[in-house]
PDB file of N, CA and C in Angstrom:
ATOM      1  N   MET A   1       0.873   6.430  13.691  1.00  0.00           N
ATOM      2  CA  MET A   1       0.431   6.775  12.356  1.00  0.00           C
ATOM      3  C   MET A   1       1.654   6.904  11.443  1.00  0.00           C
ATOM      4  N   ARG A   2       1.604   6.219  10.311  1.00  0.00           N
ATOM      5  CA  ARG A   2       2.668   6.273   9.332  1.00  0.00           C
ATOM      6  C   ARG A   2       2.547   7.562   8.529  1.00  0.00           C
ATOM      7  N   THR A   3       3.688   8.065   8.046  1.00  0.00           N
ATOM      8  CA  THR A   3       3.669   9.272   7.234  1.00  0.00           C
ATOM      9  C   THR A   3       4.301   8.987   5.884  1.00  0.00           C
ATOM     10  N   ALA A   4       4.003   9.856   4.935  1.00  0.00           N
ATOM     11  CA  ALA A   4       4.606   9.739   3.613  1.00  0.00           C
ATOM     12  C   ALA A   4       6.102  10.002   3.736  1.00  0.00           C
ATOM     13  N   ILE A   5       6.875   9.338   2.883  1.00  0.00           N
ATOM     14  CA  ILE A   5       8.317   9.584   2.871  1.00  0.00           C
ATOM     15  C   ILE A   5       8.710  10.007   1.463  1.00  0.00           C
ATOM     16  N   PRO A   6       9.817  10.762   1.338  1.00  0.00           N
ATOM     17  CA  PRO A   6      10.263  11.179   0.005  1.00  0.00           C
ATOM     18  C   PRO A   6      10.529   9.967  -0.886  1.00  0.00           C
ATOM     19  N   THR A   7      10.268  10.135  -2.171  1.00  0.00           N
ATOM     20  CA  THR A   7      10.412   9.043  -3.134  1.00  0.00           C
ATOM     21  C   THR A   7      11.811   8.432  -3.110  1.00  0.00           C
ATOM     22  N   GLN A   8      12.843   9.266  -3.055  1.00  0.00           N
ATOM     23  CA  GLN A   8      14.210   8.740  -3.051  1.00  0.00           C
ATOM     24  C   GLN A   8      14.436   7.841  -1.840  1.00  0.00           C
ATOM     25  N   GLN A   9      13.957   8.263  -0.682  1.00  0.00           N
ATOM     26  CA  GLN A   9      14.117   7.462   0.536  1.00  0.00           C
ATOM     27  C   GLN A   9      13.348   6.148   0.421  1.00  0.00           C
ATOM     28  N   LEU A  10      12.170   6.200  -0.183  1.00  0.00           N
ATOM     29  CA  LEU A  10      11.369   4.995  -0.366  1.00  0.00           C
ATOM     30  C   LEU A  10      12.126   3.972  -1.212  1.00  0.00           C
ATOM     31  N   TYR A  11      12.687   4.426  -2.331  1.00  0.00           N
ATOM     32  CA  TYR A  11      13.402   3.490  -3.200  1.00  0.00           C
ATOM     33  C   TYR A  11      14.729   3.035  -2.596  1.00  0.00           C
ATOM     34  N   GLU A  12      15.316   3.838  -1.702  1.00  0.00           N
ATOM     35  CA  GLU A  12      16.495   3.375  -0.966  1.00  0.00           C
ATOM     36  C   GLU A  12      16.119   2.192  -0.073  1.00  0.00           C
ATOM     37  N   LYS A  13      14.949   2.262   0.558  1.00  0.00           N
ATOM     38  CA  LYS A  13      14.469   1.151   1.396  1.00  0.00           C
ATOM     39  C   LYS A  13      14.242  -0.097   0.546  1.00  0.00           C
ATOM     40  N   VAL A  14      13.674   0.087  -0.644  1.00  0.00           N
ATOM     41  CA  VAL A  14      13.463  -1.039  -1.558  1.00  0.00           C
ATOM     42  C   VAL A  14      14.811  -1.650  -1.942  1.00  0.00           C
ATOM     43  N   SER A  15      15.777  -0.803  -2.299  1.00  0.00           N
ATOM     44  CA  SER A  15      17.104  -1.274  -2.691  1.00  0.00           C
ATOM     45  C   SER A  15      17.779  -2.052  -1.561  1.00  0.00           C
ATOM     46  N   GLU A  16      17.642  -1.559  -0.330  1.00  0.00           N
ATOM     47  CA  GLU A  16      18.213  -2.255   0.831  1.00  0.00           C
ATOM     48  C   GLU A  16      17.619  -3.660   0.976  1.00  0.00           C
ATOM     49  N   ALA A  17      16.302  -3.752   0.849  1.00  0.00           N
ATOM     50  CA  ALA A  17      15.638  -5.055   0.982  1.00  0.00           C
ATOM     51  C   ALA A  17      16.095  -6.007  -0.120  1.00  0.00           C
ATOM     52  N   LEU A  18      16.130  -5.520  -1.353  1.00  0.00           N
ATOM     53  CA  LEU A  18      16.537  -6.366  -2.474  1.00  0.00           C
ATOM     54  C   LEU A  18      17.980  -6.835  -2.321  1.00  0.00           C
ATOM     55  N   SER A  19      18.854  -5.958  -1.827  1.00  0.00           N
ATOM     56  CA  SER A  19      20.262  -6.342  -1.659  1.00  0.00           C
ATOM     57  C   SER A  19      20.427  -7.402  -0.569  1.00  0.00           C
ATOM     58  N   ARG A  20      19.458  -7.507   0.337  1.00  0.00           N
ATOM     59  CA  ARG A  20      19.471  -8.551   1.372  1.00  0.00           C
ATOM     60  C   ARG A  20      18.740  -9.812   0.906  1.00  0.00           C
ATOM     61  N   GLY A  21      18.318  -9.826  -0.371  1.00  0.00           N
ATOM     62  CA  GLY A  21      17.635 -10.996  -0.906  1.00  0.00           C
ATOM     63  C   GLY A  21      16.163 -11.076  -0.547  1.00  0.00           C
ATOM     64  N   LYS A  22      15.574  -9.970  -0.107  1.00  0.00           N
ATOM     65  CA  LYS A  22      14.166  -9.942   0.314  1.00  0.00           C
ATOM     66  C   LYS A  22      13.288  -9.324  -0.766  1.00  0.00           C
ATOM     67  N   ARG A  23      12.070  -9.818  -0.859  1.00  0.00           N
ATOM     68  CA  ARG A  23      11.079  -9.250  -1.774  1.00  0.00           C
ATOM     69  C   ARG A  23      10.249  -8.199  -1.039  1.00  0.00           C
ATOM     70  N   VAL A  24       9.707  -7.251  -1.803  1.00  0.00           N
ATOM     71  CA  VAL A  24       8.807  -6.240  -1.246  1.00  0.00           C
ATOM     72  C   VAL A  24       7.678  -5.991  -2.237  1.00  0.00           C
ATOM     73  N   VAL A  25       6.599  -5.450  -1.718  1.00  0.00           N
ATOM     74  CA  VAL A  25       5.511  -4.969  -2.564  1.00  0.00           C
ATOM     75  C   VAL A  25       5.470  -3.454  -2.422  1.00  0.00           C
ATOM     76  N   ILE A  26       5.414  -2.769  -3.563  1.00  0.00           N
ATOM     77  CA  ILE A  26       5.206  -1.324  -3.544  1.00  0.00           C
ATOM     78  C   ILE A  26       3.758  -1.087  -3.937  1.00  0.00           C
ATOM     79  N   ALA A  27       3.003  -0.515  -3.000  1.00  0.00           N
ATOM     80  CA  ALA A  27       1.603  -0.161  -3.245  1.00  0.00           C
ATOM     81  C   ALA A  27       1.566   1.303  -3.669  1.00  0.00           C
ATOM     82  N   THR A  28       0.987   1.572  -4.845  1.00  0.00           N
ATOM     83  CA  THR A  28       0.916   2.933  -5.364  1.00  0.00           C
ATOM     84  C   THR A  28      -0.528   3.289  -5.669  1.00  0.00           C
ATOM     85  N   VAL A  29      -0.993   4.402  -5.103  1.00  0.00           N
ATOM     86  CA  VAL A  29      -2.337   4.893  -5.413  1.00  0.00           C
ATOM     87  C   VAL A  29      -2.295   5.403  -6.851  1.00  0.00           C
ATOM     88  N   VAL A  30      -3.113   4.808  -7.730  1.00  0.00           N
ATOM     89  CA  VAL A  30      -3.109   5.208  -9.139  1.00  0.00           C
ATOM     90  C   VAL A  30      -4.348   6.000  -9.532  1.00  0.00           C
ATOM     91  N   GLU A  31      -5.409   5.897  -8.736  1.00  0.00           N
ATOM     92  CA  GLU A  31      -6.631   6.655  -9.042  1.00  0.00           C
ATOM     93  C   GLU A  31      -7.458   6.797  -7.775  1.00  0.00           C
ATOM     94  N   THR A  32      -8.086   7.963  -7.642  1.00  0.00           N
ATOM     95  CA  THR A  32      -9.005   8.174  -6.527  1.00  0.00           C
ATOM     96  C   THR A  32     -10.298   8.765  -7.055  1.00  0.00           C
ATOM     97  N   LEU A  33     -11.386   8.394  -6.420  1.00  0.00           N
ATOM     98  CA  LEU A  33     -12.702   8.945  -6.744  1.00  0.00           C
ATOM     99  C   LEU A  33     -13.345   9.381  -5.443  1.00  0.00           C
ATOM    100  N   GLY A  34     -13.871  10.589  -5.413  1.00  0.00           N
ATOM    101  CA  GLY A  34     -14.505  11.073  -4.196  1.00  0.00           C
ATOM    102  C   GLY A  34     -13.477  11.441  -3.142  1.00  0.00           C
ATOM    103  N   SER A  35     -13.914  11.439  -1.909  1.00  0.00           N
ATOM    104  CA  SER A  35     -13.073  11.828  -0.784  1.00  0.00           C
ATOM    105  C   SER A  35     -12.197  10.655  -0.341  1.00  0.00           C
ATOM    106  N   THR A  36     -10.870  10.858  -0.396  1.00  0.00           N
ATOM    107  CA  THR A  36      -9.915   9.819   0.004  1.00  0.00           C
ATOM    108  C   THR A  36      -8.799  10.452   0.834  1.00  0.00           C
ATOM    109  N   PRO A  37      -8.131   9.654   1.668  1.00  0.00           N
ATOM    110  CA  PRO A  37      -7.096  10.209   2.536  1.00  0.00           C
ATOM    111  C   PRO A  37      -5.770  10.514   1.834  1.00  0.00           C
ATOM    112  N   GLN A  38      -5.558   9.978   0.643  1.00  0.00           N
ATOM    113  CA  GLN A  38      -4.331  10.240  -0.116  1.00  0.00           C
ATOM    114  C   GLN A  38      -4.678  10.461  -1.580  1.00  0.00           C
ATOM    115  N   ARG A  39      -3.758  11.088  -2.279  1.00  0.00           N
ATOM    116  CA  ARG A  39      -3.917  11.346  -3.710  1.00  0.00           C
ATOM    117  C   ARG A  39      -3.144  10.314  -4.526  1.00  0.00           C
ATOM    118  N   SER A  40      -3.370  10.336  -5.826  1.00  0.00           N
ATOM    119  CA  SER A  40      -2.603   9.470  -6.726  1.00  0.00           C
ATOM    120  C   SER A  40      -1.118   9.730  -6.525  1.00  0.00           C
ATOM    121  N   GLY A  41      -0.350   8.654  -6.545  1.00  0.00           N
ATOM    122  CA  GLY A  41       1.090   8.761  -6.368  1.00  0.00           C
ATOM    123  C   GLY A  41       1.573   8.376  -4.983  1.00  0.00           C
ATOM    124  N   ALA A  42       0.686   8.368  -3.992  1.00  0.00           N
ATOM    125  CA  ALA A  42       1.090   7.975  -2.639  1.00  0.00           C
ATOM    126  C   ALA A  42       1.567   6.526  -2.667  1.00  0.00           C
ATOM    127  N   LYS A  43       2.610   6.233  -1.879  1.00  0.00           N
ATOM    128  CA  LYS A  43       3.207   4.898  -1.917  1.00  0.00           C
ATOM    129  C   LYS A  43       3.399   4.325  -0.521  1.00  0.00           C
ATOM    130  N   LEU A  44       3.333   3.001  -0.473  1.00  0.00           N
ATOM    131  CA  LEU A  44       3.561   2.234   0.744  1.00  0.00           C
ATOM    132  C   LEU A  44       4.370   1.004   0.363  1.00  0.00           C
ATOM    133  N   ILE A  45       5.413   0.696   1.130  1.00  0.00           N
ATOM    134  CA  ILE A  45       6.184  -0.531   0.932  1.00  0.00           C
ATOM    135  C   ILE A  45       5.749  -1.526   1.995  1.00  0.00           C
ATOM    136  N   VAL A  46       5.504  -2.759   1.571  1.00  0.00           N
ATOM    137  CA  VAL A  46       5.240  -3.853   2.509  1.00  0.00           C
ATOM    138  C   VAL A  46       6.326  -4.895   2.274  1.00  0.00           C
ATOM    139  N   SER A  47       7.077  -5.206   3.331  1.00  0.00           N
ATOM    140  CA  SER A  47       8.169  -6.169   3.210  1.00  0.00           C
ATOM    141  C   SER A  47       7.692  -7.574   3.559  1.00  0.00           C
ATOM    142  N   GLU A  48       8.531  -8.556   3.257  1.00  0.00           N
ATOM    143  CA  GLU A  48       8.179  -9.953   3.530  1.00  0.00           C
ATOM    144  C   GLU A  48       7.885 -10.207   4.998  1.00  0.00           C
ATOM    145  N   ASP A  49       8.533  -9.454   5.881  1.00  0.00           N
ATOM    146  CA  ASP A  49       8.291  -9.648   7.316  1.00  0.00           C
ATOM    147  C   ASP A  49       7.084  -8.858   7.818  1.00  0.00           C
ATOM    148  N   GLY A  50       6.371  -8.188   6.894  1.00  0.00           N
ATOM    149  CA  GLY A  50       5.149  -7.478   7.258  1.00  0.00           C
ATOM    150  C   GLY A  50       5.326  -6.021   7.619  1.00  0.00           C
ATOM    151  N   ARG A  51       6.570  -5.560   7.684  1.00  0.00           N
ATOM    152  CA  ARG A  51       6.794  -4.148   8.016  1.00  0.00           C
ATOM    153  C   ARG A  51       6.362  -3.245   6.873  1.00  0.00           C
ATOM    154  N   MET A  52       5.946  -2.029   7.241  1.00  0.00           N
ATOM    155  CA  MET A  52       5.485  -1.059   6.252  1.00  0.00           C
ATOM    156  C   MET A  52       6.273   0.239   6.382  1.00  0.00           C
ATOM    157  N   VAL A  53       6.509   0.871   5.232  1.00  0.00           N
ATOM    158  CA  VAL A  53       7.135   2.187   5.166  1.00  0.00           C
ATOM    159  C   VAL A  53       6.299   3.014   4.211  1.00  0.00           C
ATOM    160  N   GLY A  54       6.001   4.258   4.587  1.00  0.00           N
ATOM    161  CA  GLY A  54       5.163   5.118   3.766  1.00  0.00           C
ATOM    162  C   GLY A  54       3.711   4.968   4.167  1.00  0.00           C
ATOM    163  N   THR A  55       2.811   5.490   3.319  1.00  0.00           N
ATOM    164  CA  THR A  55       1.386   5.394   3.624  1.00  0.00           C
ATOM    165  C   THR A  55       0.543   5.551   2.358  1.00  0.00           C
ATOM    166  N   VAL A  56      -0.582   4.877   2.345  1.00  0.00           N
ATOM    167  CA  VAL A  56      -1.582   5.084   1.294  1.00  0.00           C
ATOM    168  C   VAL A  56      -2.879   5.610   1.903  1.00  0.00           C
ATOM    169  N   GLY A  57      -2.842   5.965   3.184  1.00  0.00           N
ATOM    170  CA  GLY A  57      -4.030   6.575   3.763  1.00  0.00           C
ATOM    171  C   GLY A  57      -4.326   6.256   5.203  1.00  0.00           C
ATOM    172  N   GLY A  58      -3.736   5.215   5.750  1.00  0.00           N
ATOM    173  CA  GLY A  58      -4.002   4.874   7.144  1.00  0.00           C
ATOM    174  C   GLY A  58      -5.327   4.155   7.324  1.00  0.00           C
ATOM    175  N   GLY A  59      -5.639   3.870   8.569  1.00  0.00           N
ATOM    176  CA  GLY A  59      -6.921   3.251   8.915  1.00  0.00           C
ATOM    177  C   GLY A  59      -7.156   1.913   8.255  1.00  0.00           C
ATOM    178  N   CYS A  60      -8.416   1.645   8.016  1.00  0.00           N
ATOM    179  CA  CYS A  60      -8.834   0.357   7.477  1.00  0.00           C
ATOM    180  C   CYS A  60      -8.284   0.112   6.073  1.00  0.00           C
ATOM    181  N   VAL A  61      -8.227   1.157   5.238  1.00  0.00           N
ATOM    182  CA  VAL A  61      -7.734   0.951   3.873  1.00  0.00           C
ATOM    183  C   VAL A  61      -6.283   0.476   3.903  1.00  0.00           C
ATOM    184  N   GLU A  62      -5.478   1.017   4.812  1.00  0.00           N
ATOM    185  CA  GLU A  62      -4.089   0.584   4.885  1.00  0.00           C
ATOM    186  C   GLU A  62      -3.996  -0.863   5.362  1.00  0.00           C
ATOM    187  N   ALA A  63      -4.858  -1.249   6.271  1.00  0.00           N
ATOM    188  CA  ALA A  63      -4.890  -2.644   6.734  1.00  0.00           C
ATOM    189  C   ALA A  63      -5.284  -3.577   5.593  1.00  0.00           C
ATOM    190  N   GLU A  64      -6.237  -3.154   4.769  1.00  0.00           N
ATOM    191  CA  GLU A  64      -6.655  -3.972   3.624  1.00  0.00           C
ATOM    192  C   GLU A  64      -5.545  -4.069   2.588  1.00  0.00           C
ATOM    193  N   VAL A  65      -4.855  -2.959   2.337  1.00  0.00           N
ATOM    194  CA  VAL A  65      -3.736  -2.963   1.392  1.00  0.00           C
ATOM    195  C   VAL A  65      -2.630  -3.878   1.911  1.00  0.00           C
ATOM    196  N   TRP A  66      -2.333  -3.799   3.215  1.00  0.00           N
ATOM    197  CA  TRP A  66      -1.308  -4.653   3.822  1.00  0.00           C
ATOM    198  C   TRP A  66      -1.664  -6.131   3.608  1.00  0.00           C
ATOM    199  N   ALA A  67      -2.911  -6.493   3.881  1.00  0.00           N
ATOM    200  CA  ALA A  67      -3.340  -7.888   3.725  1.00  0.00           C
ATOM    201  C   ALA A  67      -3.232  -8.333   2.265  1.00  0.00           C
ATOM    202  N   GLN A  68      -3.637  -7.465   1.340  1.00  0.00           N
ATOM    203  CA  GLN A  68      -3.565  -7.816  -0.080  1.00  0.00           C
ATOM    204  C   GLN A  68      -2.110  -7.905  -0.531  1.00  0.00           C
ATOM    205  N   ALA A  69      -1.248  -7.034  -0.010  1.00  0.00           N
ATOM    206  CA  ALA A  69       0.179  -7.077  -0.346  1.00  0.00           C
ATOM    207  C   ALA A  69       0.806  -8.382   0.136  1.00  0.00           C
ATOM    208  N   ARG A  70       0.403  -8.847   1.295  1.00  0.00           N
ATOM    209  CA  ARG A  70       0.902 -10.130   1.808  1.00  0.00           C
ATOM    210  C   ARG A  70       0.478 -11.273   0.872  1.00  0.00           C
ATOM    211  N   GLU A  71      -0.716 -11.168   0.303  1.00  0.00           N
ATOM    212  CA  GLU A  71      -1.187 -12.170  -0.678  1.00  0.00           C
ATOM    213  C   GLU A  71      -0.350 -12.105  -1.949  1.00  0.00           C
ATOM    214  N   VAL A  72      -0.033 -10.886  -2.402  1.00  0.00           N
ATOM    215  CA  VAL A  72       0.811 -10.720  -3.589  1.00  0.00           C
ATOM    216  C   VAL A  72       2.175 -11.364  -3.339  1.00  0.00           C
ATOM    217  N   LEU A  73       2.738 -11.156  -2.159  1.00  0.00           N
ATOM    218  CA  LEU A  73       4.013 -11.793  -1.813  1.00  0.00           C
ATOM    219  C   LEU A  73       3.884 -13.315  -1.815  1.00  0.00           C
ATOM    220  N   ARG A  74       2.791 -13.808  -1.278  1.00  0.00           N
ATOM    221  CA  ARG A  74       2.581 -15.258  -1.191  1.00  0.00           C
ATOM    222  C   ARG A  74       2.407 -15.888  -2.572  1.00  0.00           C
ATOM    223  N   ARG A  75       1.597 -15.252  -3.405  1.00  0.00           N
ATOM    224  CA  ARG A  75       1.277 -15.820  -4.723  1.00  0.00           C
ATOM    225  C   ARG A  75       2.266 -15.438  -5.820  1.00  0.00           C
ATOM    226  N   GLY A  76       2.974 -14.330  -5.596  1.00  0.00           N
ATOM    227  CA  GLY A  76       3.937 -13.883  -6.600  1.00  0.00           C
ATOM    228  C   GLY A  76       3.317 -13.184  -7.785  1.00  0.00           C
ATOM    229  N   ARG A  77       2.105 -12.643  -7.603  1.00  0.00           N
ATOM    230  CA  ARG A  77       1.408 -11.977  -8.710  1.00  0.00           C
ATOM    231  C   ARG A  77       0.978 -10.568  -8.318  1.00  0.00           C
ATOM    232  N   PRO A  78       1.508  -9.539  -9.019  1.00  0.00           N
ATOM    233  CA  PRO A  78       1.070  -8.167  -8.757  1.00  0.00           C
ATOM    234  C   PRO A  78      -0.334  -7.951  -9.302  1.00  0.00           C
ATOM    235  N   GLY A  79      -0.933  -6.816  -8.986  1.00  0.00           N
ATOM    236  CA  GLY A  79      -2.257  -6.540  -9.518  1.00  0.00           C
ATOM    237  C   GLY A  79      -2.786  -5.180  -9.119  1.00  0.00           C
ATOM    238  N   LEU A  80      -3.868  -4.797  -9.775  1.00  0.00           N
ATOM    239  CA  LEU A  80      -4.573  -3.548  -9.498  1.00  0.00           C
ATOM    240  C   LEU A  80      -5.803  -3.890  -8.670  1.00  0.00           C
ATOM    241  N   PHE A  81      -5.952  -3.224  -7.533  1.00  0.00           N
ATOM    242  CA  PHE A  81      -7.041  -3.518  -6.606  1.00  0.00           C
ATOM    243  C   PHE A  81      -7.828  -2.251  -6.300  1.00  0.00           C
ATOM    244  N   THR A  82      -9.124  -2.412  -6.103  1.00  0.00           N
ATOM    245  CA  THR A  82     -10.005  -1.296  -5.769  1.00  0.00           C
ATOM    246  C   THR A  82     -10.431  -1.414  -4.318  1.00  0.00           C
ATOM    247  N   PHE A  83     -10.319  -0.306  -3.596  1.00  0.00           N
ATOM    248  CA  PHE A  83     -10.692  -0.255  -2.182  1.00  0.00           C
ATOM    249  C   PHE A  83     -11.755   0.819  -1.996  1.00  0.00           C
ATOM    250  N   HIS A  84     -12.873   0.442  -1.392  1.00  0.00           N
ATOM    251  CA  HIS A  84     -13.989   1.359  -1.154  1.00  0.00           C
ATOM    252  C   HIS A  84     -13.950   1.820   0.295  1.00  0.00           C
ATOM    253  N   LEU A  85     -13.955   3.124   0.496  1.00  0.00           N
ATOM    254  CA  LEU A  85     -13.893   3.706   1.829  1.00  0.00           C
ATOM    255  C   LEU A  85     -15.288   4.172   2.220  1.00  0.00           C
ATOM    256  N   ALA A  86     -16.179   3.225   2.407  1.00  0.00           N
ATOM    257  CA  ALA A  86     -17.578   3.538   2.698  1.00  0.00           C
ATOM    258  C   ALA A  86     -17.726   4.095   4.102  1.00  0.00           C
ATOM    259  N   ASP A  87     -18.597   5.068   4.228  1.00  0.00           N
ATOM    260  CA  ASP A  87     -18.924   5.641   5.532  1.00  0.00           C
ATOM    261  C   ASP A  87     -20.013   4.776   6.152  1.00  0.00           C
ATOM    262  N   ASP A  88     -19.583   3.735   6.881  1.00  0.00           N
ATOM    263  CA  ASP A  88     -20.509   2.782   7.487  1.00  0.00           C
ATOM    264  C   ASP A  88     -20.592   3.043   8.987  1.00  0.00           C
ATOM    265  N   PRO A  89     -21.727   3.531   9.484  1.00  0.00           N
ATOM    266  CA  PRO A  89     -21.844   3.840  10.906  1.00  0.00           C
ATOM    267  C   PRO A  89     -21.716   2.613  11.809  1.00  0.00           C
ATOM    268  N   GLU A  90     -21.875   1.409  11.261  1.00  0.00           N
ATOM    269  CA  GLU A  90     -21.738   0.183  12.046  1.00  0.00           C
ATOM    270  C   GLU A  90     -20.272  -0.137  12.334  1.00  0.00           C
ATOM    271  N   LYS A  91     -19.374   0.412  11.513  1.00  0.00           N
ATOM    272  CA  LYS A  91     -17.955   0.139  11.676  1.00  0.00           C
ATOM    273  C   LYS A  91     -17.300   1.303  12.403  1.00  0.00           C
ATOM    274  N   GLU A  92     -16.330   0.970  13.229  1.00  0.00           N
ATOM    275  CA  GLU A  92     -15.596   2.007  13.942  1.00  0.00           C
ATOM    276  C   GLU A  92     -14.139   2.002  13.517  1.00  0.00           C
ATOM    277  N   ASP A  93     -13.897   1.939  12.202  1.00  0.00           N
ATOM    278  CA  ASP A  93     -12.525   1.848  11.710  1.00  0.00           C
ATOM    279  C   ASP A  93     -11.957   3.188  11.274  1.00  0.00           C
ATOM    280  N   GLY A  94     -12.756   4.238  11.303  1.00  0.00           N
ATOM    281  CA  GLY A  94     -12.265   5.554  10.947  1.00  0.00           C
ATOM    282  C   GLY A  94     -12.343   5.878   9.470  1.00  0.00           C
ATOM    283  N   ASP A  95     -12.796   4.965   8.628  1.00  0.00           N
ATOM    284  CA  ASP A  95     -12.915   5.243   7.197  1.00  0.00           C
ATOM    285  C   ASP A  95     -14.194   6.021   6.933  1.00  0.00           C
ATOM    286  N   VAL A  96     -14.108   7.323   7.074  1.00  0.00           N
ATOM    287  CA  VAL A  96     -15.297   8.146   6.878  1.00  0.00           C
ATOM    288  C   VAL A  96     -15.204   8.961   5.599  1.00  0.00           C
ATOM    289  N   CYS A  97     -14.216   8.687   4.772  1.00  0.00           N
ATOM    290  CA  CYS A  97     -14.029   9.459   3.552  1.00  0.00           C
ATOM    291  C   CYS A  97     -15.136   9.210   2.537  1.00  0.00           C
ATOM    292  N   GLY A  98     -15.515   7.962   2.356  1.00  0.00           N
ATOM    293  CA  GLY A  98     -16.577   7.624   1.424  1.00  0.00           C
ATOM    294  C   GLY A  98     -16.142   7.466  -0.014  1.00  0.00           C
ATOM    295  N   GLY A  99     -14.858   7.644  -0.325  1.00  0.00           N
ATOM    296  CA  GLY A  99     -14.383   7.550  -1.699  1.00  0.00           C
ATOM    297  C   GLY A  99     -13.920   6.153  -2.073  1.00  0.00           C
ATOM    298  N   THR A 100     -13.274   6.084  -3.235  1.00  0.00           N
ATOM    299  CA  THR A 100     -12.737   4.832  -3.763  1.00  0.00           C
ATOM    300  C   THR A 100     -11.294   5.067  -4.186  1.00  0.00           C
ATOM    301  N   MET A 101     -10.447   4.094  -3.910  1.00  0.00           N
ATOM    302  CA  MET A 101      -9.039   4.179  -4.301  1.00  0.00           C
ATOM    303  C   MET A 101      -8.664   2.955  -5.127  1.00  0.00           C
ATOM    304  N   LYS A 102      -7.973   3.189  -6.244  1.00  0.00           N
ATOM    305  CA  LYS A 102      -7.381   2.095  -7.012  1.00  0.00           C
ATOM    306  C   LYS A 102      -5.892   2.115  -6.706  1.00  0.00           C
ATOM    307  N   ILE A 103      -5.390   0.962  -6.272  1.00  0.00           N
ATOM    308  CA  ILE A 103      -4.003   0.863  -5.832  1.00  0.00           C
ATOM    309  C   ILE A 103      -3.338  -0.311  -6.542  1.00  0.00           C
ATOM    310  N   PHE A 104      -2.201  -0.019  -7.200  1.00  0.00           N
ATOM    311  CA  PHE A 104      -1.441  -1.071  -7.872  1.00  0.00           C
ATOM    312  C   PHE A 104      -0.431  -1.637  -6.891  1.00  0.00           C
ATOM    313  N   LEU A 105      -0.438  -2.948  -6.730  1.00  0.00           N
ATOM    314  CA  LEU A 105       0.498  -3.644  -5.856  1.00  0.00           C
ATOM    315  C   LEU A 105       1.521  -4.346  -6.737  1.00  0.00           C
ATOM    316  N   ASP A 106       2.744  -3.812  -6.743  1.00  0.00           N
ATOM    317  CA  ASP A 106       3.809  -4.302  -7.609  1.00  0.00           C
ATOM    318  C   ASP A 106       4.824  -5.089  -6.792  1.00  0.00           C
ATOM    319  N   LEU A 107       5.101  -6.297  -7.214  1.00  0.00           N
ATOM    320  CA  LEU A 107       6.048  -7.173  -6.526  1.00  0.00           C
ATOM    321  C   LEU A 107       7.460  -6.930  -7.053  1.00  0.00           C
ATOM    322  N   TRP A 108       8.359  -6.596  -6.150  1.00  0.00           N
ATOM    323  CA  TRP A 108       9.767  -6.417  -6.488  1.00  0.00           C
ATOM    324  C   TRP A 108      10.550  -7.542  -5.827  1.00  0.00           C
ATOM    325  N   SER A 109      11.409  -8.190  -6.597  1.00  0.00           N
ATOM    326  CA  SER A 109      12.207  -9.281  -6.040  1.00  0.00           C
ATOM    327  C   SER A 109      13.652  -9.135  -6.508  1.00  0.00           C
ATOM    328  N   PRO A 110      14.596  -9.730  -5.778  1.00  0.00           N
ATOM    329  CA  PRO A 110      16.009  -9.621  -6.156  1.00  0.00           C
ATOM    330  C   PRO A 110      16.291 -10.146  -7.565  1.00  0.00           C
ATOM    331  N   GLU A 111      15.478 -11.088  -8.035  1.00  0.00           N
ATOM    332  CA  GLU A 111      15.686 -11.670  -9.370  1.00  0.00           C
ATOM    333  C   GLU A 111      15.265 -10.734 -10.482  1.00  0.00           C
ATOM    334  N   ARG A 112      14.490  -9.725 -10.171  1.00  0.00           N
ATOM    335  CA  ARG A 112      13.915  -8.834 -11.182  1.00  0.00           C
ATOM    336  C   ARG A 112      14.963  -7.996 -11.849  1.00  0.00           C
TER     337      ARG A 112
END
C-alpha cells in the first residue's frame, strides 16, 4: 500500500525525473463528493516507466488514475477526470466508499 508523502519530497522526485529528461504526471485530487479515501490536495506521481509515488486513495481508483496518467503521457494532454467509487457488490476491488473524486492529471516535462 502506497502512502502520502510530504509535498517537498514529492516535488523533489519530480525534479529528479525532469533532470534525467523524463516526463511525469502529477495527479491531484481537486474535489471530492461523498465518501472517498483521500481529500482534496492528495497527490500521486506517475512516471514514464509506470512507477508511482504518493497516493490518491489506493485500490481500484488508483489503478484507474494510473491507467489514465499513462494515457496523458502517451497523448501529451493533461486533463480533469472524474472517478466514481461505486459500492458494487459484484466487484471485489475494495472500492466501498461510494463517493466521487475529481482528479487533475498534469503533465510535467523537461521542456516545460
